[in-house]
Amino acid sequence: MSRVRVHNFSVSLDGFGTGDGQSLEAPFGHAGNRLHEWFFPTRTFQGLHGTQGDAGGTTGVDDAFASGWESGIGVEIMGRNKFGPQRGPWQDEAWRGWWGDDPPFHTPVYVLTHHPRPSLEMKGGTTFHFVDAAPAEALEMAKEAARGL
C-alpha cells in the first residue's frame, strides 16, 4: 500500500515556495534564489547538476536534509506553477518545464491544471501528466501509479 508524504523543499515563513512575480525570467519570483541558497552548495545539489562531481559540495545538516528528498517517492503531484510560468490555455506546448530534458523526479508527475495537454515523456523516467482533477482525484491516480511506494 502506498504512503503519502507531503513535502516542500523550501518554504517561506508565510508558506510560499516562490516570491511574487514568478516568470520565465524569474522562476522563483522577486526573491530570486533566496529560499534555496542553503541548497546550492550541498554535495547533493552539486551531484545532481554535475557542477563539482561526486567529491564536491558541502556536507552536514543541509546536505543530510537535501539527500533524503527523493527517497521512497513513487510519484510526484505538483501545481502548474511549479511546472512553468504559463497561465491559462497553453500558448506553447514546446515548454518542457524548468528542469531541461532530464528533470530530477525520475517518476510519473501529475501536474494539476485546468488546461490539460498530452502527457510529456522526458529522459530519466519522468513523465508529466497534465490533469484537470481535484486534489483527491489526483492523489488516487498517483497512488495507483506509485505501485506501492
N, C-alpha and C. Protein backbone atom coordinates (compact mmCIF):
# COMPACT_ATOMS: atom_id res chain seq x y z
N MET A 1 0.84 -1.18 0.00
CA MET A 1 0.00 0.00 0.00
C MET A 1 0.88 1.25 0.00
N SER A 2 0.56 2.20 -0.82
CA SER A 2 1.32 3.44 -0.91
C SER A 2 1.11 4.30 0.32
N ARG A 3 2.17 5.03 0.65
CA ARG A 3 2.08 6.03 1.71
C ARG A 3 2.16 7.39 1.06
N VAL A 4 1.52 8.37 1.68
CA VAL A 4 1.53 9.73 1.16
C VAL A 4 2.49 10.56 1.99
N ARG A 5 3.37 11.27 1.32
CA ARG A 5 4.28 12.19 2.01
C ARG A 5 4.10 13.56 1.38
N VAL A 6 3.79 14.53 2.20
CA VAL A 6 3.67 15.90 1.73
C VAL A 6 5.00 16.58 2.02
N HIS A 7 5.60 17.16 1.00
CA HIS A 7 6.88 17.83 1.23
C HIS A 7 7.01 19.05 0.34
N ASN A 8 7.74 19.98 0.86
CA ASN A 8 8.16 21.17 0.12
C ASN A 8 9.62 21.35 0.43
N PHE A 9 10.39 21.61 -0.58
CA PHE A 9 11.82 21.70 -0.38
C PHE A 9 12.20 22.95 0.40
N SER A 10 11.72 24.07 0.00
CA SER A 10 11.97 25.33 0.70
C SER A 10 10.67 26.13 0.70
N VAL A 11 10.28 26.59 1.86
CA VAL A 11 9.05 27.35 2.01
C VAL A 11 9.33 28.55 2.90
N SER A 12 8.82 29.71 2.52
CA SER A 12 8.99 30.91 3.34
C SER A 12 8.15 30.80 4.60
N LEU A 13 8.41 31.67 5.55
CA LEU A 13 7.66 31.65 6.81
C LEU A 13 6.16 31.84 6.59
N ASP A 14 5.78 32.51 5.50
CA ASP A 14 4.36 32.69 5.23
C ASP A 14 3.79 31.61 4.30
N GLY A 15 4.57 30.55 4.05
CA GLY A 15 4.06 29.38 3.36
C GLY A 15 4.19 29.33 1.85
N PHE A 16 5.04 30.15 1.26
CA PHE A 16 5.18 30.16 -0.19
C PHE A 16 6.52 29.55 -0.62
N GLY A 17 6.52 28.91 -1.80
CA GLY A 17 7.73 28.33 -2.36
C GLY A 17 8.41 29.23 -3.38
N THR A 18 7.77 30.34 -3.75
CA THR A 18 8.37 31.34 -4.63
C THR A 18 7.92 32.71 -4.16
N GLY A 19 8.60 33.73 -4.64
CA GLY A 19 8.17 35.09 -4.35
C GLY A 19 7.13 35.55 -5.36
N ASP A 20 6.64 36.75 -5.18
CA ASP A 20 5.69 37.34 -6.13
C ASP A 20 6.36 37.52 -7.49
N GLY A 21 5.55 37.48 -8.53
CA GLY A 21 6.05 37.80 -9.86
C GLY A 21 6.82 36.69 -10.53
N GLN A 22 6.47 35.43 -10.28
CA GLN A 22 7.14 34.33 -10.96
C GLN A 22 6.97 34.50 -12.46
N SER A 23 8.06 34.31 -13.21
CA SER A 23 8.03 34.44 -14.67
C SER A 23 9.15 33.60 -15.26
N LEU A 24 9.21 33.54 -16.58
CA LEU A 24 10.28 32.82 -17.25
C LEU A 24 11.63 33.40 -16.85
N GLU A 25 11.71 34.72 -16.73
CA GLU A 25 12.96 35.38 -16.37
C GLU A 25 13.27 35.27 -14.88
N ALA A 26 12.25 35.07 -14.06
CA ALA A 26 12.43 34.99 -12.60
C ALA A 26 11.64 33.79 -12.07
N PRO A 27 12.17 32.56 -12.25
CA PRO A 27 11.42 31.36 -11.86
C PRO A 27 10.99 31.32 -10.40
N PHE A 28 11.74 31.97 -9.52
CA PHE A 28 11.38 32.00 -8.10
C PHE A 28 10.81 33.34 -7.69
N GLY A 29 10.40 34.15 -8.65
CA GLY A 29 9.77 35.43 -8.34
C GLY A 29 10.75 36.49 -7.90
N HIS A 30 10.23 37.51 -7.23
CA HIS A 30 11.03 38.69 -6.87
C HIS A 30 12.19 38.36 -5.92
N ALA A 31 12.09 37.29 -5.16
CA ALA A 31 13.12 36.97 -4.18
C ALA A 31 14.28 36.18 -4.77
N GLY A 32 14.19 35.85 -6.04
CA GLY A 32 15.27 35.10 -6.67
C GLY A 32 15.47 33.76 -5.99
N ASN A 33 16.70 33.40 -5.81
CA ASN A 33 17.06 32.11 -5.23
C ASN A 33 17.15 32.12 -3.71
N ARG A 34 16.73 33.20 -3.08
CA ARG A 34 16.92 33.36 -1.64
C ARG A 34 16.44 32.16 -0.83
N LEU A 35 15.27 31.60 -1.16
CA LEU A 35 14.75 30.46 -0.39
C LEU A 35 15.60 29.21 -0.53
N HIS A 36 16.39 29.13 -1.58
CA HIS A 36 17.13 27.91 -1.87
C HIS A 36 18.64 28.06 -1.71
N GLU A 37 19.10 29.17 -1.22
CA GLU A 37 20.55 29.40 -1.10
C GLU A 37 21.24 28.35 -0.24
N TRP A 38 20.54 27.82 0.74
CA TRP A 38 21.12 26.78 1.60
C TRP A 38 21.44 25.52 0.80
N PHE A 39 20.68 25.25 -0.25
CA PHE A 39 20.77 24.01 -1.01
C PHE A 39 21.91 24.00 -2.03
N PHE A 40 22.17 25.11 -2.68
CA PHE A 40 23.11 25.15 -3.80
C PHE A 40 24.52 24.65 -3.47
N PRO A 41 25.09 24.96 -2.30
CA PRO A 41 26.44 24.48 -2.03
C PRO A 41 26.52 23.01 -1.59
N THR A 42 25.40 22.33 -1.38
CA THR A 42 25.44 20.97 -0.84
C THR A 42 25.99 19.96 -1.84
N ARG A 43 26.52 18.88 -1.31
CA ARG A 43 27.01 17.79 -2.15
C ARG A 43 25.87 17.24 -3.02
N THR A 44 24.67 17.16 -2.44
CA THR A 44 23.52 16.64 -3.20
C THR A 44 23.24 17.50 -4.42
N PHE A 45 23.17 18.82 -4.26
CA PHE A 45 22.92 19.71 -5.39
C PHE A 45 24.05 19.60 -6.41
N GLN A 46 25.29 19.65 -5.94
CA GLN A 46 26.43 19.58 -6.84
C GLN A 46 26.40 18.28 -7.65
N GLY A 47 26.01 17.18 -7.00
CA GLY A 47 25.91 15.90 -7.70
C GLY A 47 24.78 15.86 -8.71
N LEU A 48 23.65 16.46 -8.37
CA LEU A 48 22.51 16.48 -9.29
C LEU A 48 22.81 17.28 -10.55
N HIS A 49 23.58 18.33 -10.39
CA HIS A 49 23.83 19.23 -11.51
C HIS A 49 25.23 19.10 -12.10
N GLY A 50 26.00 18.15 -11.57
CA GLY A 50 27.30 17.86 -12.14
C GLY A 50 28.30 18.99 -12.09
N THR A 51 28.08 19.97 -11.19
CA THR A 51 28.97 21.12 -11.19
C THR A 51 30.31 20.81 -10.54
N GLN A 52 30.35 19.86 -9.59
CA GLN A 52 31.63 19.52 -8.97
C GLN A 52 31.83 18.01 -8.86
N GLY A 53 31.04 17.23 -9.54
CA GLY A 53 31.18 15.78 -9.49
C GLY A 53 30.81 15.23 -8.12
N ASP A 54 31.18 14.00 -7.87
CA ASP A 54 30.82 13.34 -6.62
C ASP A 54 31.55 13.88 -5.41
N ALA A 55 32.72 14.46 -5.59
CA ALA A 55 33.52 14.89 -4.44
C ALA A 55 33.21 16.31 -3.98
N GLY A 56 32.51 17.10 -4.78
CA GLY A 56 32.29 18.49 -4.44
C GLY A 56 31.07 18.71 -3.59
N GLY A 57 31.00 19.89 -2.99
CA GLY A 57 29.83 20.28 -2.22
C GLY A 57 29.99 20.06 -0.73
N THR A 58 29.18 20.79 0.01
CA THR A 58 29.24 20.72 1.47
C THR A 58 28.46 19.52 1.99
N THR A 59 28.84 19.10 3.18
CA THR A 59 28.10 18.06 3.88
C THR A 59 27.58 18.67 5.17
N GLY A 60 26.88 17.92 5.95
CA GLY A 60 26.32 18.46 7.18
C GLY A 60 24.81 18.40 7.15
N VAL A 61 24.18 19.17 8.02
CA VAL A 61 22.73 19.09 8.18
C VAL A 61 21.98 19.46 6.90
N ASP A 62 22.43 20.47 6.17
CA ASP A 62 21.73 20.85 4.93
C ASP A 62 21.80 19.73 3.90
N ASP A 63 22.98 19.13 3.76
CA ASP A 63 23.11 18.04 2.79
C ASP A 63 22.34 16.80 3.24
N ALA A 64 22.32 16.54 4.53
CA ALA A 64 21.56 15.39 5.04
C ALA A 64 20.08 15.54 4.70
N PHE A 65 19.55 16.75 4.87
CA PHE A 65 18.15 17.00 4.52
C PHE A 65 17.94 16.89 3.01
N ALA A 66 18.81 17.52 2.25
CA ALA A 66 18.68 17.53 0.79
C ALA A 66 18.76 16.13 0.20
N SER A 67 19.63 15.30 0.73
CA SER A 67 19.83 13.98 0.15
C SER A 67 18.64 13.05 0.34
N GLY A 68 17.75 13.35 1.28
CA GLY A 68 16.61 12.49 1.52
C GLY A 68 15.34 12.90 0.81
N TRP A 69 15.39 13.96 0.01
CA TRP A 69 14.14 14.48 -0.57
C TRP A 69 13.45 13.51 -1.51
N GLU A 70 14.20 12.66 -2.24
CA GLU A 70 13.55 11.80 -3.22
C GLU A 70 13.42 10.36 -2.77
N SER A 71 13.91 10.03 -1.61
CA SER A 71 13.88 8.66 -1.12
C SER A 71 12.44 8.16 -0.95
N GLY A 72 12.13 7.03 -1.57
CA GLY A 72 10.82 6.42 -1.42
C GLY A 72 9.69 7.11 -2.15
N ILE A 73 10.00 7.98 -3.09
CA ILE A 73 8.96 8.70 -3.84
C ILE A 73 8.65 7.90 -5.11
N GLY A 74 7.39 7.52 -5.29
CA GLY A 74 6.99 6.79 -6.48
C GLY A 74 6.29 7.65 -7.51
N VAL A 75 5.74 8.78 -7.06
CA VAL A 75 5.01 9.71 -7.92
C VAL A 75 5.07 11.08 -7.28
N GLU A 76 5.07 12.10 -8.09
CA GLU A 76 5.03 13.49 -7.61
C GLU A 76 3.73 14.11 -8.10
N ILE A 77 3.12 14.95 -7.27
CA ILE A 77 1.99 15.78 -7.69
C ILE A 77 2.43 17.23 -7.52
N MET A 78 2.22 18.03 -8.53
CA MET A 78 2.60 19.45 -8.42
C MET A 78 1.52 20.31 -9.06
N GLY A 79 1.53 21.57 -8.70
CA GLY A 79 0.68 22.54 -9.35
C GLY A 79 1.33 23.01 -10.65
N ARG A 80 0.54 23.61 -11.50
CA ARG A 80 1.04 24.06 -12.80
C ARG A 80 2.14 25.11 -12.66
N ASN A 81 2.05 25.96 -11.65
CA ASN A 81 3.08 26.99 -11.48
C ASN A 81 4.45 26.38 -11.24
N LYS A 82 4.52 25.23 -10.59
CA LYS A 82 5.82 24.59 -10.40
C LYS A 82 6.35 24.07 -11.73
N PHE A 83 5.46 23.64 -12.63
CA PHE A 83 5.89 23.16 -13.93
C PHE A 83 6.40 24.28 -14.82
N GLY A 84 5.77 25.44 -14.78
CA GLY A 84 6.20 26.51 -15.66
C GLY A 84 5.44 27.80 -15.45
N PRO A 85 5.87 28.87 -16.15
CA PRO A 85 5.33 30.20 -15.92
C PRO A 85 4.06 30.53 -16.70
N GLN A 86 3.61 29.66 -17.58
CA GLN A 86 2.45 29.98 -18.41
C GLN A 86 1.16 29.90 -17.60
N ARG A 87 0.24 30.80 -17.85
CA ARG A 87 -1.06 30.79 -17.21
C ARG A 87 -2.14 30.65 -18.28
N GLY A 88 -3.28 30.12 -17.91
CA GLY A 88 -4.38 29.98 -18.86
C GLY A 88 -4.12 28.88 -19.87
N PRO A 89 -4.82 28.91 -21.01
CA PRO A 89 -4.60 27.89 -22.04
C PRO A 89 -3.13 27.88 -22.48
N TRP A 90 -2.65 26.70 -22.81
CA TRP A 90 -1.25 26.56 -23.23
C TRP A 90 -1.03 27.31 -24.54
N GLN A 91 -0.16 28.28 -24.52
CA GLN A 91 0.21 29.01 -25.73
C GLN A 91 1.35 28.32 -26.46
N ASP A 92 2.16 27.57 -25.70
CA ASP A 92 3.36 26.96 -26.27
C ASP A 92 3.57 25.59 -25.63
N GLU A 93 3.13 24.54 -26.33
CA GLU A 93 3.32 23.19 -25.79
C GLU A 93 4.75 22.70 -25.95
N ALA A 94 5.61 23.51 -26.54
CA ALA A 94 7.02 23.16 -26.61
C ALA A 94 7.71 23.31 -25.25
N TRP A 95 7.09 24.08 -24.33
CA TRP A 95 7.65 24.24 -22.98
C TRP A 95 7.67 22.88 -22.30
N ARG A 96 8.84 22.50 -21.77
CA ARG A 96 9.03 21.18 -21.18
C ARG A 96 9.41 21.25 -19.71
N GLY A 97 9.09 22.37 -19.07
CA GLY A 97 9.38 22.51 -17.65
C GLY A 97 10.68 23.24 -17.40
N TRP A 98 10.88 23.61 -16.15
CA TRP A 98 12.05 24.39 -15.74
C TRP A 98 13.35 23.59 -15.79
N TRP A 99 13.30 22.28 -15.82
CA TRP A 99 14.44 21.43 -15.48
C TRP A 99 15.24 20.91 -16.66
N GLY A 100 14.88 21.21 -17.88
CA GLY A 100 15.59 20.68 -19.03
C GLY A 100 15.08 19.29 -19.41
N ASP A 101 15.85 18.57 -20.22
CA ASP A 101 15.41 17.29 -20.77
C ASP A 101 15.39 16.15 -19.76
N ASP A 102 16.11 16.29 -18.64
CA ASP A 102 16.19 15.22 -17.64
C ASP A 102 15.82 15.78 -16.27
N PRO A 103 14.51 15.96 -16.00
CA PRO A 103 14.09 16.52 -14.72
C PRO A 103 14.51 15.63 -13.55
N PRO A 104 14.59 16.18 -12.35
CA PRO A 104 15.11 15.42 -11.21
C PRO A 104 14.13 14.42 -10.61
N PHE A 105 12.93 14.28 -11.13
CA PHE A 105 11.91 13.46 -10.47
C PHE A 105 12.07 11.97 -10.72
N HIS A 106 12.32 11.56 -11.96
CA HIS A 106 12.51 10.16 -12.34
C HIS A 106 11.32 9.28 -11.94
N THR A 107 10.13 9.85 -11.98
CA THR A 107 8.88 9.18 -11.66
C THR A 107 7.78 9.81 -12.51
N PRO A 108 6.59 9.24 -12.50
CA PRO A 108 5.46 9.98 -13.06
C PRO A 108 5.21 11.24 -12.23
N VAL A 109 4.80 12.32 -12.89
CA VAL A 109 4.46 13.57 -12.21
C VAL A 109 3.08 14.00 -12.70
N TYR A 110 2.16 14.19 -11.77
CA TYR A 110 0.83 14.68 -12.11
C TYR A 110 0.80 16.18 -11.87
N VAL A 111 0.55 16.94 -12.94
CA VAL A 111 0.51 18.40 -12.88
C VAL A 111 -0.96 18.81 -12.86
N LEU A 112 -1.38 19.44 -11.76
CA LEU A 112 -2.76 19.89 -11.64
C LEU A 112 -2.94 21.18 -12.44
N THR A 113 -3.90 21.16 -13.37
CA THR A 113 -4.14 22.31 -14.23
C THR A 113 -5.58 22.28 -14.72
N HIS A 114 -6.13 23.43 -15.00
CA HIS A 114 -7.46 23.48 -15.63
C HIS A 114 -7.34 23.40 -17.15
N HIS A 115 -6.11 23.25 -17.64
CA HIS A 115 -5.86 23.22 -19.08
C HIS A 115 -5.00 22.00 -19.41
N PRO A 116 -5.60 20.79 -19.44
CA PRO A 116 -4.82 19.59 -19.74
C PRO A 116 -4.15 19.66 -21.10
N ARG A 117 -3.11 18.90 -21.25
CA ARG A 117 -2.42 18.73 -22.52
C ARG A 117 -1.89 17.31 -22.55
N PRO A 118 -1.39 16.83 -23.69
CA PRO A 118 -0.89 15.45 -23.74
C PRO A 118 0.26 15.24 -22.76
N SER A 119 0.38 14.01 -22.28
CA SER A 119 1.48 13.67 -21.37
C SER A 119 2.81 13.90 -22.08
N LEU A 120 3.83 14.17 -21.28
CA LEU A 120 5.14 14.54 -21.80
C LEU A 120 6.19 13.63 -21.19
N GLU A 121 6.76 12.73 -22.01
CA GLU A 121 7.81 11.82 -21.54
C GLU A 121 9.16 12.51 -21.65
N MET A 122 9.94 12.38 -20.58
CA MET A 122 11.26 13.00 -20.53
C MET A 122 12.32 11.92 -20.28
N LYS A 123 13.59 12.29 -20.36
CA LYS A 123 14.67 11.37 -20.03
C LYS A 123 14.61 11.03 -18.55
N GLY A 124 15.20 9.90 -18.19
CA GLY A 124 15.35 9.55 -16.79
C GLY A 124 14.11 9.00 -16.12
N GLY A 125 13.05 8.73 -16.89
CA GLY A 125 11.86 8.13 -16.31
C GLY A 125 10.78 9.10 -15.86
N THR A 126 10.97 10.38 -16.06
CA THR A 126 9.94 11.36 -15.71
C THR A 126 8.92 11.45 -16.83
N THR A 127 7.64 11.33 -16.49
CA THR A 127 6.55 11.61 -17.42
C THR A 127 5.60 12.56 -16.73
N PHE A 128 5.37 13.72 -17.34
CA PHE A 128 4.42 14.69 -16.81
C PHE A 128 3.04 14.37 -17.38
N HIS A 129 2.06 14.25 -16.48
CA HIS A 129 0.66 14.05 -16.86
C HIS A 129 -0.11 15.29 -16.41
N PHE A 130 -0.76 15.96 -17.33
CA PHE A 130 -1.46 17.22 -17.06
C PHE A 130 -2.94 16.91 -16.87
N VAL A 131 -3.41 17.02 -15.62
CA VAL A 131 -4.77 16.58 -15.30
C VAL A 131 -5.60 17.72 -14.73
N ASP A 132 -6.84 17.79 -15.18
CA ASP A 132 -7.82 18.71 -14.61
C ASP A 132 -8.62 17.88 -13.61
N ALA A 133 -8.13 17.82 -12.40
CA ALA A 133 -8.72 16.95 -11.38
C ALA A 133 -8.64 17.62 -10.02
N ALA A 134 -9.56 17.26 -9.16
CA ALA A 134 -9.48 17.71 -7.78
C ALA A 134 -8.26 17.06 -7.13
N PRO A 135 -7.68 17.68 -6.11
CA PRO A 135 -6.51 17.08 -5.46
C PRO A 135 -6.75 15.63 -5.02
N ALA A 136 -7.92 15.31 -4.50
CA ALA A 136 -8.20 13.94 -4.06
C ALA A 136 -8.18 12.97 -5.24
N GLU A 137 -8.69 13.40 -6.39
CA GLU A 137 -8.66 12.55 -7.59
C GLU A 137 -7.23 12.34 -8.06
N ALA A 138 -6.44 13.40 -8.08
CA ALA A 138 -5.04 13.29 -8.49
C ALA A 138 -4.28 12.38 -7.53
N LEU A 139 -4.59 12.45 -6.26
CA LEU A 139 -3.94 11.59 -5.28
C LEU A 139 -4.26 10.12 -5.57
N GLU A 140 -5.48 9.81 -5.92
CA GLU A 140 -5.83 8.43 -6.26
C GLU A 140 -5.08 7.97 -7.50
N MET A 141 -4.98 8.83 -8.52
CA MET A 141 -4.20 8.49 -9.72
C MET A 141 -2.75 8.23 -9.35
N ALA A 142 -2.21 9.08 -8.49
CA ALA A 142 -0.81 8.96 -8.09
C ALA A 142 -0.57 7.69 -7.30
N LYS A 143 -1.46 7.36 -6.39
CA LYS A 143 -1.30 6.13 -5.60
C LYS A 143 -1.26 4.91 -6.51
N GLU A 144 -2.12 4.89 -7.51
CA GLU A 144 -2.14 3.77 -8.44
C GLU A 144 -0.83 3.70 -9.23
N ALA A 145 -0.35 4.85 -9.68
CA ALA A 145 0.89 4.89 -10.47
C ALA A 145 2.13 4.60 -9.63
N ALA A 146 2.06 4.83 -8.31
CA ALA A 146 3.23 4.64 -7.44
C ALA A 146 3.58 3.17 -7.24
N ARG A 147 2.66 2.29 -7.50
CA ARG A 147 2.90 0.85 -7.39
C ARG A 147 3.47 0.45 -6.03
N GLY A 148 2.84 0.95 -4.99
CA GLY A 148 3.21 0.52 -3.65
C GLY A 148 4.29 1.32 -2.96
N LEU A 149 4.94 2.25 -3.64
CA LEU A 149 5.95 3.08 -2.96
C LEU A 149 5.29 4.09 -2.07
